[in-house]
């Protein structure tokens, strides 16, 4: 198993432990899983992992925006729950996922546009 696939499997395990995966996630693409997590709790880390590391390395055999070290750190960040600010706890409207994506460039393999590294 490659390092990329191993990190993806580790991320899926962490997401499953946190109850963030849909029931039939094994029939979904990594991008669909990432969007599900983003829609579910507003966490963009999976989107960043998939588009900036997993897809470029796994399918394009090219470097993405994330290095191996940064991708590993991103996966390990799921061991610690994301911190909520007191403002987001007191104002539920701030907890809604924001799906504004800036387009970066086209994938060199499939020509699909990748989202930017920063999704806000």
N, C-alpha and C. Protein backbone atom coordinates (compact mmCIF):
# COMPACT_ATOMS: atom_id res chain seq x y z
N UNK A 1 0.85 -1.17 0.00
CA UNK A 1 0.00 0.00 0.00
C UNK A 1 0.90 1.24 0.00
N UNK A 2 0.61 2.18 -0.88
CA UNK A 2 1.42 3.39 -0.96
C UNK A 2 1.16 4.29 0.24
N UNK A 3 2.06 5.23 0.45
CA UNK A 3 1.92 6.18 1.57
C UNK A 3 0.65 7.01 1.41
N UNK A 4 0.32 7.36 0.18
CA UNK A 4 -0.88 8.16 -0.08
C UNK A 4 -2.13 7.37 0.29
N UNK A 5 -2.21 6.13 -0.16
CA UNK A 5 -3.36 5.28 0.14
C UNK A 5 -3.44 4.99 1.63
N UNK A 6 -2.30 4.80 2.25
CA UNK A 6 -2.26 4.55 3.69
C UNK A 6 -2.79 5.74 4.48
N UNK A 7 -2.38 6.95 4.08
CA UNK A 7 -2.89 8.15 4.76
C UNK A 7 -4.39 8.30 4.56
N UNK A 8 -4.88 8.01 3.35
CA UNK A 8 -6.31 8.09 3.08
C UNK A 8 -7.07 7.09 3.95
N UNK A 9 -6.56 5.87 4.05
CA UNK A 9 -7.21 4.86 4.90
C UNK A 9 -7.21 5.29 6.37
N UNK A 10 -6.12 5.88 6.81
CA UNK A 10 -6.05 6.37 8.19
C UNK A 10 -7.07 7.49 8.41
N UNK A 11 -7.18 8.39 7.45
CA UNK A 11 -8.15 9.49 7.56
C UNK A 11 -9.57 8.94 7.59
N UNK A 12 -9.86 7.97 6.73
CA UNK A 12 -11.21 7.37 6.75
C UNK A 12 -11.51 6.73 8.10
N UNK A 13 -10.53 6.05 8.69
CA UNK A 13 -10.72 5.46 10.00
C UNK A 13 -11.01 6.50 11.07
N UNK A 14 -10.30 7.60 11.03
CA UNK A 14 -10.52 8.68 12.01
C UNK A 14 -11.89 9.31 11.81
N UNK A 15 -12.29 9.52 10.56
CA UNK A 15 -13.60 10.08 10.27
C UNK A 15 -14.71 9.13 10.72
N UNK A 16 -14.49 7.84 10.51
CA UNK A 16 -15.47 6.84 10.93
C UNK A 16 -15.61 6.83 12.45
N UNK A 17 -14.49 6.90 13.16
CA UNK A 17 -14.54 6.92 14.63
C UNK A 17 -15.28 8.14 15.16
N UNK A 18 -15.23 9.24 14.41
CA UNK A 18 -15.91 10.46 14.84
C UNK A 18 -17.35 10.54 14.33
N UNK A 19 -17.78 9.51 13.60
CA UNK A 19 -19.15 9.48 13.09
C UNK A 19 -19.40 10.47 11.96
N UNK A 20 -18.37 10.81 11.22
CA UNK A 20 -18.51 11.80 10.15
C UNK A 20 -18.72 11.18 8.77
N UNK A 21 -18.63 9.86 8.67
CA UNK A 21 -18.81 9.22 7.36
C UNK A 21 -20.27 8.81 7.17
N UNK A 22 -20.78 8.95 5.95
CA UNK A 22 -22.13 8.47 5.68
C UNK A 22 -22.16 6.94 5.67
N UNK A 23 -23.34 6.38 5.70
CA UNK A 23 -23.48 4.93 5.81
C UNK A 23 -22.78 4.19 4.67
N UNK A 24 -22.99 4.61 3.45
CA UNK A 24 -22.40 3.90 2.31
C UNK A 24 -21.21 4.68 1.74
N UNK A 25 -20.31 5.09 2.60
CA UNK A 25 -19.17 5.88 2.16
C UNK A 25 -18.26 5.11 1.21
N UNK A 26 -18.27 3.78 1.30
CA UNK A 26 -17.39 2.99 0.43
C UNK A 26 -17.82 3.04 -1.04
N UNK A 27 -18.98 3.60 -1.32
CA UNK A 27 -19.45 3.76 -2.70
C UNK A 27 -19.25 5.20 -3.19
N UNK A 28 -18.64 6.02 -2.36
CA UNK A 28 -18.45 7.43 -2.70
C UNK A 28 -17.01 7.69 -3.11
N UNK A 29 -16.83 8.71 -3.92
CA UNK A 29 -15.48 9.13 -4.28
C UNK A 29 -14.89 9.92 -3.10
N UNK A 30 -13.57 10.06 -3.06
CA UNK A 30 -12.98 10.89 -2.01
C UNK A 30 -13.53 12.32 -1.98
N UNK A 31 -13.78 12.90 -3.16
CA UNK A 31 -14.33 14.25 -3.21
C UNK A 31 -15.74 14.30 -2.62
N UNK A 32 -16.55 13.27 -2.88
CA UNK A 32 -17.90 13.22 -2.31
C UNK A 32 -17.84 13.07 -0.79
N UNK A 33 -16.92 12.28 -0.31
CA UNK A 33 -16.75 12.14 1.14
C UNK A 33 -16.31 13.46 1.75
N UNK A 34 -15.37 14.13 1.10
CA UNK A 34 -14.89 15.42 1.60
C UNK A 34 -16.02 16.44 1.64
N UNK A 35 -16.84 16.48 0.60
CA UNK A 35 -17.98 17.41 0.59
C UNK A 35 -19.00 17.06 1.65
N UNK A 36 -19.20 15.76 1.91
CA UNK A 36 -20.13 15.34 2.96
C UNK A 36 -19.64 15.86 4.32
N UNK A 37 -18.36 15.69 4.60
CA UNK A 37 -17.81 16.16 5.87
C UNK A 37 -17.94 17.68 5.96
N UNK A 38 -17.65 18.37 4.87
CA UNK A 38 -17.78 19.83 4.85
C UNK A 38 -19.21 20.25 5.11
N UNK A 39 -20.17 19.59 4.47
CA UNK A 39 -21.59 19.90 4.68
C UNK A 39 -22.04 19.55 6.09
N UNK A 40 -21.49 18.47 6.63
CA UNK A 40 -21.93 17.99 7.94
C UNK A 40 -21.48 18.89 9.08
N UNK A 41 -20.21 19.30 9.06
CA UNK A 41 -19.74 20.10 10.19
C UNK A 41 -18.86 21.29 9.81
N UNK A 42 -18.77 21.59 8.53
CA UNK A 42 -18.02 22.77 8.10
C UNK A 42 -16.51 22.61 8.14
N UNK A 43 -16.03 21.39 8.29
CA UNK A 43 -14.60 21.14 8.39
C UNK A 43 -14.02 20.96 6.99
N UNK A 44 -13.14 21.88 6.59
CA UNK A 44 -12.58 21.84 5.24
C UNK A 44 -11.30 21.03 5.13
N UNK A 45 -10.84 20.44 6.22
CA UNK A 45 -9.56 19.72 6.18
C UNK A 45 -9.59 18.53 5.23
N UNK A 46 -10.70 17.83 5.15
CA UNK A 46 -10.77 16.66 4.25
C UNK A 46 -10.75 17.14 2.80
N UNK A 47 -11.43 18.24 2.50
CA UNK A 47 -11.41 18.80 1.15
C UNK A 47 -9.98 19.17 0.78
N UNK A 48 -9.26 19.82 1.68
CA UNK A 48 -7.86 20.18 1.41
C UNK A 48 -7.01 18.94 1.18
N UNK A 49 -7.22 17.91 2.01
CA UNK A 49 -6.43 16.68 1.85
C UNK A 49 -6.68 16.05 0.49
N UNK A 50 -7.96 15.91 0.13
CA UNK A 50 -8.32 15.22 -1.12
C UNK A 50 -7.80 15.98 -2.34
N UNK A 51 -8.08 17.28 -2.42
CA UNK A 51 -7.75 18.03 -3.63
C UNK A 51 -6.30 18.48 -3.69
N UNK A 52 -5.68 18.70 -2.55
CA UNK A 52 -4.31 19.22 -2.55
C UNK A 52 -3.25 18.16 -2.31
N UNK A 53 -3.69 16.93 -2.02
CA UNK A 53 -2.71 15.86 -1.78
C UNK A 53 -3.12 14.55 -2.45
N UNK A 54 -4.27 14.01 -2.05
CA UNK A 54 -4.66 12.67 -2.48
C UNK A 54 -4.82 12.55 -4.01
N UNK A 55 -5.66 13.39 -4.60
CA UNK A 55 -5.88 13.28 -6.05
C UNK A 55 -4.60 13.53 -6.85
N UNK A 56 -3.86 14.61 -6.60
CA UNK A 56 -2.65 14.82 -7.40
C UNK A 56 -1.64 13.68 -7.27
N UNK A 57 -1.44 13.18 -6.04
CA UNK A 57 -0.43 12.14 -5.83
C UNK A 57 -0.91 10.78 -6.31
N UNK A 58 -2.17 10.46 -6.06
CA UNK A 58 -2.68 9.13 -6.37
C UNK A 58 -3.00 8.96 -7.85
N UNK A 59 -3.60 9.97 -8.46
CA UNK A 59 -4.03 9.82 -9.85
C UNK A 59 -3.15 10.56 -10.84
N UNK A 60 -2.51 11.63 -10.42
CA UNK A 60 -1.69 12.39 -11.35
C UNK A 60 -0.22 12.11 -11.21
N UNK A 61 0.16 11.42 -10.13
CA UNK A 61 1.55 11.15 -9.84
C UNK A 61 2.39 12.43 -9.90
N UNK A 62 1.76 13.52 -9.38
CA UNK A 62 2.45 14.80 -9.31
C UNK A 62 2.31 15.35 -7.90
N UNK A 63 3.16 16.30 -7.56
CA UNK A 63 3.07 16.91 -6.24
C UNK A 63 1.86 17.83 -6.20
N UNK A 64 1.13 17.76 -5.11
CA UNK A 64 0.03 18.68 -4.90
C UNK A 64 0.52 19.86 -4.08
N UNK A 65 -0.41 20.62 -3.56
CA UNK A 65 -0.05 21.77 -2.73
C UNK A 65 0.44 21.35 -1.35
N UNK A 66 0.09 20.13 -0.92
CA UNK A 66 0.52 19.64 0.39
C UNK A 66 1.68 18.67 0.23
N UNK A 67 2.69 18.85 1.04
CA UNK A 67 3.79 17.88 1.08
C UNK A 67 3.36 16.66 1.87
N UNK A 68 4.15 15.60 1.84
CA UNK A 68 3.84 14.41 2.64
C UNK A 68 3.75 14.77 4.12
N UNK A 69 4.67 15.59 4.58
CA UNK A 69 4.70 15.98 5.99
C UNK A 69 3.45 16.77 6.38
N UNK A 70 3.04 17.72 5.53
CA UNK A 70 1.85 18.51 5.82
C UNK A 70 0.58 17.66 5.73
N UNK A 71 0.54 16.74 4.79
CA UNK A 71 -0.62 15.86 4.67
C UNK A 71 -0.74 14.96 5.90
N UNK A 72 0.39 14.45 6.37
CA UNK A 72 0.40 13.61 7.57
C UNK A 72 -0.09 14.42 8.78
N UNK A 73 0.39 15.66 8.89
CA UNK A 73 -0.03 16.53 9.99
C UNK A 73 -1.52 16.83 9.91
N UNK A 74 -2.04 17.00 8.69
CA UNK A 74 -3.46 17.26 8.51
C UNK A 74 -4.28 16.07 8.98
N UNK A 75 -3.86 14.87 8.62
CA UNK A 75 -4.56 13.66 9.06
C UNK A 75 -4.48 13.53 10.58
N UNK A 76 -3.30 13.76 11.13
CA UNK A 76 -3.14 13.66 12.58
C UNK A 76 -3.94 14.71 13.33
N UNK A 77 -4.28 15.81 12.66
CA UNK A 77 -5.08 16.85 13.31
C UNK A 77 -6.48 16.35 13.64
N UNK A 78 -6.91 15.26 13.02
CA UNK A 78 -8.22 14.69 13.33
C UNK A 78 -8.21 13.91 14.63
N UNK A 79 -7.03 13.66 15.18
CA UNK A 79 -6.96 13.02 16.50
C UNK A 79 -7.43 13.98 17.59
N UNK A 80 -7.29 15.27 17.34
CA UNK A 80 -7.76 16.31 18.25
C UNK A 80 -8.99 16.95 17.62
N UNK A 81 -10.10 17.04 18.35
CA UNK A 81 -11.28 17.68 17.77
C UNK A 81 -10.99 19.16 17.50
N UNK A 82 -11.65 19.69 16.47
CA UNK A 82 -11.46 21.10 16.15
C UNK A 82 -12.03 21.95 17.27
N UNK A 83 -11.31 23.02 17.59
CA UNK A 83 -11.75 23.91 18.66
C UNK A 83 -12.80 24.86 18.12
N UNK A 84 -13.87 25.04 18.92
CA UNK A 84 -14.88 26.01 18.56
C UNK A 84 -14.65 27.25 19.41
N UNK A 85 -14.81 28.38 18.79
CA UNK A 85 -14.68 29.62 19.55
C UNK A 85 -15.96 29.83 20.35
N UNK A 86 -15.89 30.62 21.40
CA UNK A 86 -17.09 30.89 22.19
C UNK A 86 -18.13 31.61 21.36
N UNK A 87 -17.68 32.38 20.36
CA UNK A 87 -18.61 33.09 19.49
C UNK A 87 -19.41 32.11 18.65
N UNK A 88 -18.77 31.05 18.12
CA UNK A 88 -19.49 30.09 17.28
C UNK A 88 -20.43 29.23 18.11
N UNK A 89 -20.10 28.99 19.38
CA UNK A 89 -20.99 28.23 20.25
C UNK A 89 -22.23 29.04 20.58
N UNK A 90 -22.07 30.35 20.83
CA UNK A 90 -23.20 31.19 21.21
C UNK A 90 -24.03 31.61 20.00
N UNK A 91 -23.47 31.55 18.80
CA UNK A 91 -24.18 31.94 17.60
C UNK A 91 -24.20 30.77 16.61
N UNK A 92 -25.27 29.96 16.63
CA UNK A 92 -25.32 28.77 15.76
C UNK A 92 -25.22 29.09 14.28
N UNK A 93 -25.56 30.31 13.88
CA UNK A 93 -25.46 30.67 12.46
C UNK A 93 -24.02 30.61 11.97
N UNK A 94 -23.07 30.80 12.88
CA UNK A 94 -21.66 30.75 12.49
C UNK A 94 -21.17 29.33 12.27
N UNK A 95 -21.93 28.34 12.73
CA UNK A 95 -21.54 26.94 12.59
C UNK A 95 -21.92 26.36 11.24
N UNK A 96 -22.69 27.09 10.44
CA UNK A 96 -23.10 26.58 9.14
C UNK A 96 -21.88 26.48 8.24
N UNK A 97 -21.78 25.39 7.48
CA UNK A 97 -20.66 25.25 6.55
C UNK A 97 -20.68 26.34 5.49
N UNK A 98 -19.52 26.82 5.14
CA UNK A 98 -19.40 27.82 4.10
C UNK A 98 -18.69 27.17 2.93
N UNK A 99 -19.38 27.06 1.80
CA UNK A 99 -18.82 26.34 0.65
C UNK A 99 -18.42 27.30 -0.46
N UNK A 100 -17.70 28.31 -0.10
CA UNK A 100 -17.18 29.22 -1.10
C UNK A 100 -15.78 28.74 -1.44
N UNK A 101 -15.60 28.25 -2.66
CA UNK A 101 -14.30 27.71 -3.05
C UNK A 101 -13.70 28.59 -4.14
N UNK A 102 -12.46 28.91 -3.97
CA UNK A 102 -11.73 29.62 -5.00
C UNK A 102 -11.08 28.59 -5.90
N UNK A 103 -11.15 28.81 -7.18
CA UNK A 103 -10.58 27.86 -8.13
C UNK A 103 -9.09 28.17 -8.31
N UNK A 104 -8.26 27.14 -8.25
CA UNK A 104 -6.82 27.30 -8.36
C UNK A 104 -6.36 27.06 -9.79
N UNK A 105 -6.39 25.84 -10.22
CA UNK A 105 -5.87 25.48 -11.53
C UNK A 105 -6.54 24.18 -11.96
N UNK A 106 -6.22 23.75 -13.16
CA UNK A 106 -6.79 22.50 -13.66
C UNK A 106 -5.88 21.32 -13.32
N UNK A 107 -6.50 20.19 -13.05
CA UNK A 107 -5.77 18.95 -12.81
C UNK A 107 -5.04 18.58 -14.10
N UNK A 108 -3.81 18.16 -13.97
CA UNK A 108 -3.02 17.82 -15.14
C UNK A 108 -3.46 16.49 -15.76
N UNK A 109 -4.23 15.69 -15.00
CA UNK A 109 -4.66 14.39 -15.50
C UNK A 109 -6.03 14.47 -16.14
N UNK A 110 -7.01 14.99 -15.41
CA UNK A 110 -8.39 14.96 -15.89
C UNK A 110 -8.93 16.33 -16.30
N UNK A 111 -8.15 17.38 -16.11
CA UNK A 111 -8.50 18.75 -16.47
C UNK A 111 -9.64 19.34 -15.63
N UNK A 112 -9.98 18.70 -14.51
CA UNK A 112 -10.97 19.25 -13.59
C UNK A 112 -10.28 20.35 -12.79
N UNK A 113 -10.99 21.41 -12.50
CA UNK A 113 -10.39 22.48 -11.71
C UNK A 113 -10.30 22.07 -10.24
N UNK A 114 -9.15 22.34 -9.63
CA UNK A 114 -8.96 22.06 -8.21
C UNK A 114 -9.37 23.27 -7.41
N UNK A 115 -9.93 23.05 -6.22
CA UNK A 115 -10.18 24.21 -5.35
C UNK A 115 -8.87 24.74 -4.80
N UNK A 116 -8.89 25.97 -4.38
CA UNK A 116 -7.69 26.58 -3.80
C UNK A 116 -7.37 25.94 -2.46
N UNK A 117 -6.17 26.18 -1.98
CA UNK A 117 -5.76 25.60 -0.70
C UNK A 117 -6.59 26.15 0.44
N UNK A 118 -6.89 27.46 0.40
CA UNK A 118 -7.66 28.08 1.47
C UNK A 118 -9.11 28.14 1.07
N UNK A 119 -9.95 27.46 1.82
CA UNK A 119 -11.39 27.46 1.59
C UNK A 119 -12.02 28.15 2.79
N UNK A 120 -12.73 29.19 2.53
CA UNK A 120 -13.32 29.95 3.65
C UNK A 120 -14.79 30.11 3.46
